[in-house]
Protein backbone atom coordinates (compact mmCIF):
# COMPACT_ATOMS: atom_id res chain seq x y z
CA UNK A 1 35.87 18.85 58.52
CA UNK A 2 32.61 18.49 60.41
CA UNK A 3 31.53 15.03 61.56
CA UNK A 4 28.10 14.25 62.94
CA UNK A 5 28.21 11.09 65.05
CA UNK A 6 24.49 10.73 64.41
CA UNK A 7 25.52 9.34 61.02
CA UNK A 8 27.09 6.33 62.76
CA UNK A 9 23.79 5.53 64.46
CA UNK A 10 21.85 6.06 61.22
CA UNK A 11 24.06 3.61 59.31
CA UNK A 12 23.72 1.07 62.12
CA UNK A 13 19.96 1.39 62.43
CA UNK A 14 19.15 1.35 58.70
CA UNK A 15 21.80 -0.95 57.25
CA UNK A 16 23.74 -2.78 59.97
CA UNK A 17 21.47 -3.40 62.97
CA UNK A 18 22.82 -5.59 65.75
CA UNK A 19 21.01 -8.92 65.31
CA UNK A 20 22.66 -11.00 68.01
CA UNK A 21 22.65 -10.47 71.76
CA UNK A 22 25.44 -13.00 72.28
CA UNK A 23 28.50 -11.42 73.91
CA UNK A 24 31.62 -11.72 71.74
CA UNK A 25 35.22 -10.91 72.59
CA UNK A 26 38.15 -9.65 70.52
CA UNK A 27 41.00 -12.15 70.71
CA UNK A 28 44.26 -12.89 68.93
CA UNK A 29 42.24 -13.76 65.83
CA UNK A 30 39.90 -10.77 66.21
CA UNK A 31 36.19 -11.60 65.97
CA UNK A 32 34.92 -14.81 64.37
CA UNK A 33 31.51 -16.39 63.98
CA UNK A 34 28.73 -17.27 61.58
CA UNK A 35 28.76 -14.78 58.71
CA UNK A 36 25.06 -13.89 58.97
CA UNK A 37 25.63 -12.28 62.39
CA UNK A 38 28.72 -10.25 61.52
CA UNK A 39 27.40 -7.27 59.50
CA UNK A 40 27.09 -5.03 62.54
CA UNK A 41 30.49 -6.19 63.80
CA UNK A 42 32.13 -5.30 60.48
CA UNK A 43 30.50 -1.86 60.34
CA UNK A 44 31.67 -1.08 63.86
CA UNK A 45 35.21 -2.30 63.10
CA UNK A 46 35.27 0.15 60.19
CA UNK A 47 34.38 2.86 62.69
CA UNK A 48 37.04 1.64 65.13
CA UNK A 49 39.76 1.42 62.46
CA UNK A 50 39.07 5.04 61.51
CA UNK A 51 39.33 6.14 65.13
CA UNK A 52 42.52 4.08 65.58
CA UNK A 53 44.07 5.71 62.51
CA UNK A 54 43.32 9.19 63.86
CA UNK A 55 44.66 8.14 67.27
CA UNK A 56 47.90 7.08 65.53
CA UNK A 57 48.29 10.41 63.76
CA UNK A 58 46.71 9.38 60.45
CA UNK A 59 48.79 6.19 59.98
CA UNK A 60 47.23 3.45 57.86
CA UNK A 61 45.27 0.81 59.80
CA UNK A 62 44.36 -2.48 58.14
CA UNK A 63 41.13 -4.44 58.39
CA UNK A 64 41.20 -8.05 57.18
CA UNK A 65 37.97 -9.96 56.62
CA UNK A 66 38.64 -13.67 57.04
CA UNK A 67 37.93 -16.66 59.24
CA UNK A 68 41.32 -18.17 58.38
CA UNK A 69 41.18 -21.98 58.80
CA UNK A 70 37.51 -22.01 59.91
CA UNK A 71 34.76 -23.65 57.78
CA UNK A 72 33.16 -21.75 54.89
CA UNK A 73 29.98 -20.56 56.75
CA UNK A 74 32.17 -18.64 59.21
CA UNK A 75 33.84 -15.29 58.74
CA UNK A 76 35.77 -12.89 60.89
CA UNK A 77 37.66 -9.63 61.12
CA UNK A 78 40.96 -8.50 62.60
CA UNK A 79 42.67 -5.12 62.70
CA UNK A 80 46.28 -4.50 61.71
CA UNK A 81 48.29 -1.77 63.45
CA UNK A 82 50.72 0.55 61.60
CA UNK A 83 53.82 -1.67 61.91
CA UNK A 84 51.91 -4.70 60.69
CA UNK A 85 51.40 -6.12 64.16
CA UNK A 86 48.12 -7.24 65.70
CA UNK A 87 45.85 -4.58 67.21
CA UNK A 88 47.41 -3.20 70.40
CA UNK A 89 46.16 -5.13 73.44
CA UNK A 90 44.88 -1.94 75.08
CA UNK A 91 42.42 -1.51 72.19
CA UNK A 92 41.14 -5.10 72.24
CA UNK A 93 38.79 -4.23 75.11
CA UNK A 94 37.69 -1.09 73.25
CA UNK A 95 36.84 -3.25 70.23
CA UNK A 96 34.98 -5.73 72.43
CA UNK A 97 32.89 -3.03 74.11
CA UNK A 98 32.10 -1.37 70.79
CA UNK A 99 30.67 -4.48 69.11
CA UNK A 100 28.58 -5.45 72.14
CA UNK A 101 26.91 -2.08 72.80
CA UNK A 102 23.29 -1.68 71.61
CA UNK A 103 22.43 0.30 68.49
CA UNK A 104 20.67 2.90 70.65
CA UNK A 105 23.82 3.49 72.71
CA UNK A 106 26.26 3.33 69.78
CA UNK A 107 26.51 7.07 69.08
CA UNK A 108 27.14 7.89 72.73
CA UNK A 109 29.68 5.06 73.02
CA UNK A 110 31.69 6.26 70.00
CA UNK A 111 31.74 9.74 71.54
CA UNK A 112 33.13 8.23 74.74
CA UNK A 113 35.95 6.44 72.83
CA UNK A 114 36.86 9.74 71.18
CA UNK A 115 36.89 11.59 74.51
CA UNK A 116 38.70 8.90 76.52
CA UNK A 117 41.50 8.65 73.96
CA UNK A 118 41.73 12.37 73.11
CA UNK A 119 41.15 11.69 69.41
CA UNK A 120 41.04 14.65 67.02
CA UNK A 121 37.96 13.64 65.07
CA UNK A 122 38.68 16.23 62.37
CA UNK A 123 42.14 14.85 61.51
CA UNK A 124 42.87 12.62 58.53
CA UNK A 125 42.55 8.84 58.69
CA UNK A 126 43.42 5.96 56.34
CA UNK A 127 42.08 2.43 56.38
CA UNK A 128 43.09 -0.47 54.08
CA UNK A 129 40.57 -3.32 53.75
CA UNK A 130 41.09 -6.80 52.32
CA UNK A 131 39.06 -10.01 52.29
CA UNK A 132 39.35 -13.71 51.63
CA UNK A 133 37.31 -15.49 48.94
CA UNK A 134 34.30 -16.61 51.00
CA UNK A 135 31.04 -15.81 49.22
CA UNK A 136 29.89 -13.49 52.04
CA UNK A 137 33.14 -11.51 52.25
CA UNK A 138 32.17 -8.80 49.67
CA UNK A 139 29.05 -7.96 51.69
CA UNK A 140 31.07 -7.71 54.88
CA UNK A 141 33.76 -5.61 53.19
CA UNK A 142 31.10 -3.07 52.23
CA UNK A 143 30.03 -2.92 55.89
CA UNK A 144 33.61 -2.11 56.96
CA UNK A 145 33.92 0.54 54.24
CA UNK A 146 30.63 2.12 55.34
CA UNK A 147 31.96 2.30 58.90
CA UNK A 148 34.94 4.28 57.64
CA UNK A 149 32.75 6.50 55.48
CA UNK A 150 30.38 7.21 58.40
CA UNK A 151 33.28 9.04 60.10
CA UNK A 152 34.49 10.61 56.82
CA UNK A 153 37.65 8.53 56.75
CA UNK A 154 39.64 7.46 53.69
CA UNK A 155 39.21 3.82 52.75
CA UNK A 156 41.16 1.78 50.19
CA UNK A 157 39.68 -1.57 49.19
CA UNK A 158 42.12 -4.25 48.00
CA UNK A 159 39.52 -6.91 47.29
CA UNK A 160 40.59 -10.54 47.58
CA UNK A 161 44.06 -10.80 49.16
CA UNK A 162 45.81 -13.04 51.67
CA UNK A 163 46.04 -11.83 55.27
CA UNK A 164 49.86 -11.47 55.01
CA UNK A 165 49.44 -9.36 51.87
CA UNK A 166 47.25 -6.87 53.73
CA UNK A 167 49.83 -6.68 56.54
CA UNK A 168 52.48 -6.05 53.86
CA UNK A 169 50.43 -3.23 52.29
CA UNK A 170 49.92 -1.52 55.67
CA UNK A 171 53.63 -1.57 56.54
CA UNK A 172 54.69 -0.52 53.03
CA UNK A 173 52.35 2.49 53.12
CA UNK A 174 53.39 3.53 56.64
CA UNK A 175 57.13 3.30 55.85
CA UNK A 176 56.79 5.45 52.71
CA UNK A 177 57.49 2.37 50.57
CA UNK A 178 60.90 1.58 52.08
CA UNK A 179 59.50 -1.86 52.96
CA UNK A 180 57.93 -2.28 49.52
CA UNK A 181 55.18 -0.93 47.29
CA UNK A 182 51.72 -1.14 48.90
CA UNK A 183 50.21 -2.94 45.92
CA UNK A 184 49.62 -6.55 44.93
CA UNK A 185 52.24 -6.24 42.19
CA UNK A 186 54.66 -4.71 44.71
CA UNK A 187 54.22 -7.76 46.94
CA UNK A 188 54.87 -10.23 44.11
CA UNK A 189 57.81 -8.21 42.84
CA UNK A 190 59.65 -8.04 46.17
CA UNK A 191 59.33 -11.74 47.03
CA UNK A 192 59.99 -13.12 43.55
CA UNK A 193 63.03 -10.92 42.97
CA UNK A 194 64.63 -12.04 46.25
CA UNK A 195 63.73 -15.70 45.64
CA UNK A 196 65.19 -15.80 42.13
CA UNK A 197 68.38 -13.99 43.19
CA UNK A 198 68.81 -16.53 46.01
CA UNK A 199 68.21 -19.38 43.55
CA UNK A 200 70.82 -17.87 41.20
CA UNK A 201 69.77 -20.15 38.35
CA UNK A 202 70.37 -23.31 40.42
CA UNK A 203 67.02 -25.08 40.17
CA UNK A 204 68.21 -28.45 41.51
CA UNK A 205 71.06 -29.34 43.86
CA UNK A 206 72.05 -32.66 45.40
CA UNK A 207 68.90 -34.44 46.61
CA UNK A 208 66.76 -31.33 46.08
CA UNK A 209 64.35 -31.59 43.14
CA UNK A 210 62.55 -28.58 41.69
CA UNK A 211 59.02 -29.86 42.19
CA UNK A 212 56.29 -29.00 44.75
CA UNK A 213 52.58 -29.84 45.12
CA UNK A 214 50.70 -26.89 46.67
CA UNK A 215 47.37 -27.43 48.49
CA UNK A 216 45.63 -24.03 48.42
CA UNK A 217 42.77 -25.06 50.77
CA UNK A 218 40.27 -23.73 48.18
CA UNK A 219 41.19 -20.34 49.59
CA UNK A 220 42.84 -17.12 48.53
CA UNK A 221 46.31 -18.66 48.81
CA UNK A 222 45.59 -20.83 45.77
CA UNK A 223 44.63 -17.79 43.69
CA UNK A 224 47.74 -15.88 44.67
CA UNK A 225 50.03 -18.85 44.11
CA UNK A 226 48.73 -19.07 40.55
CA UNK A 227 49.66 -15.40 40.15
CA UNK A 228 53.14 -16.13 41.51
CA UNK A 229 53.60 -18.95 39.01
CA UNK A 230 52.78 -16.60 36.11
CA UNK A 231 55.52 -14.21 37.25
CA UNK A 232 58.21 -16.63 38.47
CA UNK A 233 60.00 -17.46 35.22
CA UNK A 234 59.84 -21.22 36.01
CA UNK A 235 62.23 -20.85 38.95
CA UNK A 236 60.02 -23.25 40.94
CA UNK A 237 57.82 -25.96 39.43
CA UNK A 238 54.54 -25.82 41.41
CA UNK A 239 51.37 -27.88 40.91
CA UNK A 240 48.37 -26.22 42.61
CA UNK A 241 45.49 -28.34 43.92
CA UNK A 242 42.35 -27.21 45.76
CA UNK A 243 42.25 -23.99 43.78
CA UNK A 244 38.73 -23.01 44.89
CA UNK A 245 37.25 -23.80 41.51
CA UNK A 246 34.22 -26.10 41.33
CA UNK A 247 32.52 -27.81 44.30
CA UNK A 248 35.44 -27.57 46.75
CA UNK A 249 34.78 -25.45 49.84
CA UNK A 250 37.38 -23.43 51.71
CA UNK A 251 39.28 -25.57 54.29
CA UNK A 252 36.93 -28.51 53.67
CA UNK A 253 39.00 -31.71 54.03
CA UNK A 254 42.07 -29.81 52.88
CA UNK A 255 44.44 -27.07 54.01
CA UNK A 256 47.08 -26.72 56.72
CA UNK A 257 44.80 -27.22 59.74
CA UNK A 258 43.22 -30.38 58.30
CA UNK A 259 46.61 -31.88 57.41
CA UNK A 260 48.20 -30.94 60.76
CA UNK A 261 45.39 -32.03 63.08
CA UNK A 262 44.28 -35.20 61.29
CA UNK A 263 47.78 -36.19 60.14
CA UNK A 264 46.68 -37.06 56.63
CA UNK A 265 46.85 -35.57 53.11
CA UNK A 266 43.94 -33.56 51.68
CA UNK A 267 41.10 -35.78 50.44
CA UNK A 268 41.63 -34.55 46.87
CA UNK A 269 45.39 -35.28 46.92
CA UNK A 270 46.54 -36.72 43.56
CA UNK A 271 48.82 -39.75 43.40
CA UNK A 272 52.44 -38.55 43.56
CA UNK A 273 55.82 -40.22 43.77
CA UNK A 274 57.05 -41.13 47.27
CA UNK A 275 58.98 -38.32 48.97
CA UNK A 276 57.43 -35.60 46.76
CA UNK A 277 57.37 -32.32 48.69
CA UNK A 278 53.79 -31.28 49.38
CA UNK A 279 52.68 -28.00 50.97
CA UNK A 280 49.36 -27.10 52.59
CA UNK A 281 48.32 -23.56 53.50
CA UNK A 282 45.15 -22.43 55.29
CA UNK A 283 42.23 -20.40 53.99
CA UNK A 284 43.88 -16.97 54.33
CA UNK A 285 47.45 -18.23 53.69
CA UNK A 286 49.13 -17.33 56.96
CA UNK A 287 49.90 -20.95 57.96
CA UNK A 288 51.97 -23.53 56.11
CA UNK A 289 52.96 -27.14 56.74
CA UNK A 290 54.87 -29.62 54.59
CA UNK A 291 54.13 -33.32 54.21
CA UNK A 292 55.02 -36.34 52.09
CA UNK A 293 54.47 -40.09 51.88
CA UNK A 294 57.34 -42.55 52.13
CA UNK A 295 57.97 -45.66 50.03
CA UNK A 296 55.47 -47.58 52.21
CA UNK A 297 52.76 -44.99 51.57
CA UNK A 298 52.96 -43.73 55.16
CA UNK A 299 52.10 -40.08 55.83
CA UNK A 300 54.92 -37.90 57.20
CA UNK A 301 54.37 -34.34 58.53
CA UNK A 302 56.85 -31.46 58.60
CA UNK A 303 55.03 -28.84 60.69
CA UNK A 304 55.88 -25.44 62.15
CA UNK A 305 58.40 -26.95 64.57
CA UNK A 306 60.26 -28.55 61.66
CA UNK A 307 60.23 -25.30 59.70
CA UNK A 308 61.53 -23.42 62.76
CA UNK A 309 64.46 -25.80 63.24
CA UNK A 310 65.34 -25.72 59.54
CA UNK A 311 65.30 -21.91 59.46
CA UNK A 312 67.13 -21.46 62.79
CA UNK A 313 69.97 -23.77 61.79
CA UNK A 314 70.39 -22.06 58.43
CA UNK A 315 70.41 -18.55 59.89
CA UNK A 316 72.87 -19.57 62.61
CA UNK A 317 75.22 -20.93 59.94
CA UNK A 318 75.03 -17.76 57.82
CA UNK A 319 75.60 -15.47 60.81
CA UNK A 320 78.59 -17.55 61.92
CA UNK A 321 80.14 -17.53 58.44
CA UNK A 322 79.51 -13.79 58.15
CA UNK A 323 81.54 -13.28 61.35
CA UNK A 324 79.01 -10.87 62.82
CA UNK A 325 77.87 -10.58 66.44
CA UNK A 326 74.08 -10.73 66.65
CA UNK A 327 71.65 -12.09 69.26
CA UNK A 328 69.58 -14.89 67.75
CA UNK A 329 66.60 -16.51 69.43
CA UNK A 330 63.75 -18.89 68.66
CA UNK A 331 60.31 -18.49 70.25
CA UNK A 332 57.96 -21.44 70.78
CA UNK A 333 54.79 -22.22 72.71
CA UNK A 334 54.15 -25.14 75.06
CA UNK A 335 52.69 -27.04 72.08
CA UNK A 336 56.11 -27.29 70.41
CA UNK A 337 57.26 -30.90 70.25
CA UNK A 338 59.81 -31.58 72.99
CA UNK A 339 62.14 -33.26 70.50
CA UNK A 340 62.32 -30.06 68.46
CA UNK A 341 63.23 -28.03 71.54
CA UNK A 342 65.93 -30.54 72.52
CA UNK A 343 67.38 -30.43 69.00
CA UNK A 344 67.44 -26.61 68.89
CA UNK A 345 69.06 -26.25 72.32
CA UNK A 346 71.46 -29.19 72.30
CA UNK A 347 72.39 -29.59 68.63
CA UNK A 348 71.94 -26.13 67.11
CA UNK A 349 72.92 -24.32 70.34
CA UNK A 350 70.18 -21.81 69.54
CA UNK A 351 68.51 -19.91 72.46
CA UNK A 352 64.84 -20.82 72.95
CA UNK A 353 62.07 -18.90 74.71
CA UNK A 354 58.58 -20.20 75.49
CA UNK A 355 55.54 -17.89 75.57
CA UNK A 356 51.75 -18.35 75.93
CA UNK A 357 49.78 -19.52 72.91
CA UNK A 358 48.92 -16.75 70.46
CA UNK A 359 50.79 -15.05 67.63
CA UNK A 360 50.99 -11.68 69.39
CA UNK A 361 52.95 -13.25 72.26
CA UNK A 362 55.43 -14.91 69.91
CA UNK A 363 55.90 -11.81 67.76
CA UNK A 364 56.56 -9.50 70.71
CA UNK A 365 59.09 -11.90 72.23
CA UNK A 366 60.87 -12.33 68.88
CA UNK A 367 61.37 -8.56 68.71
CA UNK A 368 63.68 -8.80 71.74
CA UNK A 369 66.36 -10.46 69.58
CA UNK A 370 68.46 -9.10 66.71
CA UNK A 371 67.12 -12.02 64.69
CA UNK A 372 63.99 -13.57 66.19
CA UNK A 373 62.50 -16.75 64.73
CA UNK A 374 59.00 -17.78 65.79
CA UNK A 375 56.74 -20.57 64.61
CA UNK A 376 53.75 -22.23 66.16
CA UNK A 377 53.44 -25.96 65.57
CA UNK A 378 50.39 -25.19 63.36
CA UNK A 379 52.68 -23.56 60.79
CA UNK A 380 52.14 -19.88 61.57
CA UNK A 381 55.39 -17.98 61.94
CA UNK A 382 58.07 -15.72 60.51
CA UNK A 383 61.46 -14.15 61.26
CA UNK A 384 62.02 -10.58 62.41
CA UNK A 385 65.24 -8.57 62.08
CA UNK A 386 66.12 -5.56 64.24
CA UNK A 387 67.39 -2.35 62.64
CA UNK A 388 70.76 -3.11 64.24
CA UNK A 389 70.81 -6.54 62.58
CA UNK A 390 69.96 -5.11 59.17
CA UNK A 391 72.68 -2.47 59.40
CA UNK A 392 75.26 -4.99 60.63
CA UNK A 393 74.39 -7.48 57.87
CA UNK A 394 74.48 -4.74 55.20
CA UNK A 395 78.00 -3.72 56.26
CA UNK A 396 79.21 -7.32 56.30
CA UNK A 397 77.70 -7.97 52.85
CA UNK A 398 80.36 -5.78 51.29
CA UNK A 399 82.93 -8.52 51.91
CA UNK A 400 81.01 -11.68 52.88
CA UNK A 401 78.89 -13.72 50.45
CA UNK A 402 77.02 -15.28 53.39
CA UNK A 403 75.94 -11.79 54.53
CA UNK A 404 74.72 -11.01 51.00
CA UNK A 405 72.57 -14.13 51.27
CA UNK A 406 71.19 -12.86 54.60
CA UNK A 407 70.26 -9.52 52.99
CA UNK A 408 68.30 -11.29 50.26
CA UNK A 409 66.58 -13.48 52.86
CA UNK A 410 65.37 -10.35 54.65
CA UNK A 411 63.63 -9.28 51.43
CA UNK A 412 62.15 -12.76 50.92
CA UNK A 413 60.71 -12.90 54.45
CA UNK A 414 57.45 -11.11 55.28
CA UNK A 415 58.46 -9.82 58.73
CA UNK A 416 55.02 -8.38 59.49
CA UNK A 417 53.23 -11.68 60.14
CA UNK A 418 53.29 -15.38 59.34
CA UNK A 419 53.03 -15.64 55.54
CA UNK A 420 52.49 -19.13 54.07
CA UNK A 421 53.77 -18.26 50.60
CA UNK A 422 56.81 -16.31 51.83
CA UNK A 423 57.62 -19.09 54.33
CA UNK A 424 57.30 -21.73 51.61
CA UNK A 425 59.73 -19.84 49.36
CA UNK A 426 62.11 -19.55 52.31
CA UNK A 427 61.98 -23.31 52.97
CA UNK A 428 62.52 -24.04 49.27
CA UNK A 429 65.54 -21.72 49.28
CA UNK A 430 67.12 -23.43 52.30
CA UNK A 431 66.49 -26.97 51.05
CA UNK A 432 67.95 -26.01 47.65
CA UNK A 433 71.05 -24.45 49.20
CA UNK A 434 71.58 -27.50 51.42
CA UNK A 435 70.84 -29.99 48.63
CA UNK A 436 68.24 -31.65 50.87
CA UNK A 437 65.08 -33.57 50.10
CA UNK A 438 62.37 -34.31 52.67
CA UNK A 439 64.22 -37.44 53.85
CA UNK A 440 67.24 -35.33 54.78
CA UNK A 441 65.03 -32.76 56.47
CA UNK A 442 62.97 -35.14 58.60
CA UNK A 443 66.02 -37.16 59.66
CA UNK A 444 67.47 -34.30 61.75
CA UNK A 445 65.51 -35.54 64.81
CA UNK A 446 62.59 -37.82 65.69
CA UNK A 447 59.39 -36.20 66.90
CA UNK A 448 57.98 -37.47 70.18
CA UNK A 449 54.49 -38.97 69.86
CA UNK A 450 51.93 -36.45 71.14
CA UNK A 451 48.23 -36.34 71.88
CA UNK A 452 45.70 -33.59 72.51
CA UNK A 453 42.36 -33.96 74.30
CA UNK A 454 39.45 -31.60 74.93
CA UNK A 455 37.74 -31.93 78.31
CA UNK A 456 34.36 -30.21 78.66
CA UNK A 457 33.98 -28.41 82.01
CA UNK A 458 31.33 -26.29 83.69
CA UNK A 459 33.57 -23.22 83.80
CA UNK A 460 36.94 -23.00 82.04
CA UNK A 461 37.99 -20.20 84.42
CA UNK A 462 38.58 -22.72 87.21
CA UNK A 463 41.85 -23.48 85.36
CA UNK A 464 44.61 -20.88 85.74
CA UNK A 465 48.13 -21.29 84.40
CA UNK A 466 51.54 -19.64 84.59
CA UNK A 467 55.01 -20.09 83.07
CA UNK A 468 53.79 -19.76 79.46
CA UNK A 469 50.79 -22.00 80.25
CA UNK A 470 53.02 -24.93 81.20
CA UNK A 471 52.17 -24.90 84.93
CA UNK A 472 48.62 -25.06 86.35
CA UNK A 473 48.17 -22.97 89.52
CA UNK A 474 44.42 -23.50 89.94
CA UNK A 475 42.64 -25.60 91.02
CA UNK A 476 45.04 -26.27 93.86
CA UNK A 477 46.72 -29.66 93.73
CA UNK A 478 46.10 -30.37 90.05
CA UNK A 479 49.66 -29.51 88.96
CA UNK A 480 51.16 -31.76 91.64
CA UNK A 481 49.04 -34.68 90.49
CA UNK A 482 49.95 -34.02 86.84
CA UNK A 483 53.65 -34.06 87.75
CA UNK A 484 53.20 -37.34 89.66
CA UNK A 485 51.58 -38.95 86.62
CA UNK A 486 54.18 -37.55 84.19
CA UNK A 487 57.03 -38.95 86.30
CA UNK A 488 55.91 -42.48 85.41
CA UNK A 489 56.62 -42.02 81.69
CA UNK A 490 59.92 -41.90 79.85
CA UNK A 491 60.33 -38.44 78.25
CA UNK A 492 56.88 -37.62 79.54
CA UNK A 493 55.49 -34.08 79.40
CA UNK A 494 51.94 -32.83 79.86
CA UNK A 495 50.11 -29.59 80.52
CA UNK A 496 46.55 -28.30 80.65
CA UNK A 497 45.20 -24.91 79.61
CA UNK A 498 41.69 -23.42 79.32
CA UNK A 499 40.24 -22.63 75.91
CA UNK A 500 40.00 -18.95 75.11
CA UNK A 501 36.49 -19.19 73.66
CA UNK A 502 34.54 -22.09 75.18
CA UNK A 503 34.22 -24.09 78.41
CA UNK A 504 36.85 -26.62 77.45
CA UNK A 505 40.19 -27.53 79.00
CA UNK A 506 42.85 -28.63 76.52
CA UNK A 507 45.21 -31.43 77.49
CA UNK A 508 48.55 -31.90 75.76
CA UNK A 509 50.74 -34.96 76.35
CA UNK A 510 53.87 -36.44 74.85
CA UNK A 511 56.09 -39.40 75.76
CA UNK A 512 58.66 -41.77 74.30
CA UNK A 513 56.11 -44.14 72.70
CA UNK A 514 52.67 -43.75 71.19
CA UNK A 515 51.19 -46.15 73.75
CA UNK A 516 52.67 -44.20 76.65
CA UNK A 517 51.45 -40.94 75.13
CA UNK A 518 47.86 -42.22 74.86
CA UNK A 519 47.93 -43.41 78.47
CA UNK A 520 49.49 -40.20 79.76
CA UNK A 521 46.88 -38.06 78.00
CA UNK A 522 44.11 -40.26 79.40
CA UNK A 523 45.43 -40.08 82.98
CA UNK A 524 45.80 -36.28 82.87
CA UNK A 525 42.34 -35.99 81.29
CA UNK A 526 40.83 -37.98 84.16
CA UNK A 527 42.54 -35.63 86.65
CA UNK A 528 41.00 -32.62 84.90
CA UNK A 529 37.55 -34.21 84.94
CA UNK A 530 37.87 -34.95 88.66
CA UNK A 531 39.47 -31.71 89.85
CA UNK A 532 38.17 -29.10 87.39
CA UNK A 533 34.48 -29.99 87.20
CA UNK A 534 34.33 -32.05 84.03
CA UNK A 535 30.81 -32.39 82.60
CA UNK A 536 31.50 -34.35 79.44
CA UNK A 537 31.32 -38.12 78.95
CA UNK A 538 33.90 -40.27 80.71
CA UNK A 539 37.14 -40.62 78.78
CA UNK A 540 37.69 -43.87 76.95
CA UNK A 541 40.63 -45.72 78.43
CA UNK A 542 43.34 -46.66 75.90
CA UNK A 543 43.44 -50.31 74.89
CA UNK A 544 46.41 -51.30 77.01
CA UNK A 545 47.23 -49.95 80.45
CA UNK A 546 50.61 -48.45 81.28
CA UNK A 547 52.85 -50.99 82.93
């Protein structure tokens, strides 16, 4: 096979010229921005995915076109490595350099990537591409496909799919279908079969009622949930709102991020009975949070921390009853509510690790355990099982019913990445088995009030952190002053960390009361403005001072 790299330049010059001079960087979420400036980025990511596939011996690489929970005008792209994980960190800088190089230097730059990584350009390559349902996604998908074609790679287009579905397809193809069939039907089939076997005909149990309201964020998750419902044989009664039909825009006043951040139901939420289980996913269906209203009409949130504690406790119980020896661990970030961490450590006796913000950090840490549970507070998370765990559980399942349940749970869980639909089915399974409603679930512990602030600074790099972002090491003296302030508040905790994309420092605070939390956040925010070069308006002091 002969490949002329001049073709890459020709495609770029004629069809995908670089229109923006703004420097962009590949992060945990890949590249994101306004859709009109992403054509050249998408084309180049098609080129990179083809090179990555050849570098990995022809393994399938995934390319997902989505801006997740961002507004509709935005779009983005992220690459999926052969085991379903995020793009290897060593290639993030390669991706960044590739999208920022000029069109004139593109051919030479691609040649350098090939040489530096000893890539056999004549070998086979395979790239899977999926997209969310934004109106500009089809155009951007074509740009990715053309990037693959420019290097004579093999491309398979899946059209509109959730991000977790594309991860599933990549892993299924690379494991010769031992994980599942790399098709949309294969995805539905695996999850639904496991869910209905776990339900075992028991649709209601104790306080658990077989009824859920599903907020699809006007995104792809709504479309796929409707497909699930058609295939589920009425094993779960689901009402889907924000289906993406009509005037509703993706993530606009709905979806997991809106519900989590603003602590309120979607604007289009219908009137439901108090304590009805409601679920919100984000635009590409890799985040999920639960919520409900009580008899007073007050909003109650069950976020990623709540899901993590529910799952961890259930898994611990099954492992104990199965009489098997496995290392279990739960991975959180500094944003996890302190009450959830206390409950996991002191009540569940479940080991907890804390890592920097970002899914790749959580996923890699979770892999260190036989059974690793990870969830961010925003609702993104999953459970991973080691080969040793799977073999041990399979052996125990021959005599232990609890181990048989664990085996089915492994099939229900999308281990490759946080999967809103898979996680929702897992939560429904656990609540059903326990006979719990949302009142039972939320009563396990009381969340500490928490507050987040954004402080605009001249240069976010003046802030440096360590210990999973919980300790500030620069500027000198800031951490000491934060600790002095925190010591004045019962159950007080606060940390600061720089944004990954803009000159903003994020402040997180929690304390025993809402009033204390507001005051603590304010005091730490003032410290950041004074010691880290704040340039924004002065913070507004909370109504009542801390006494």
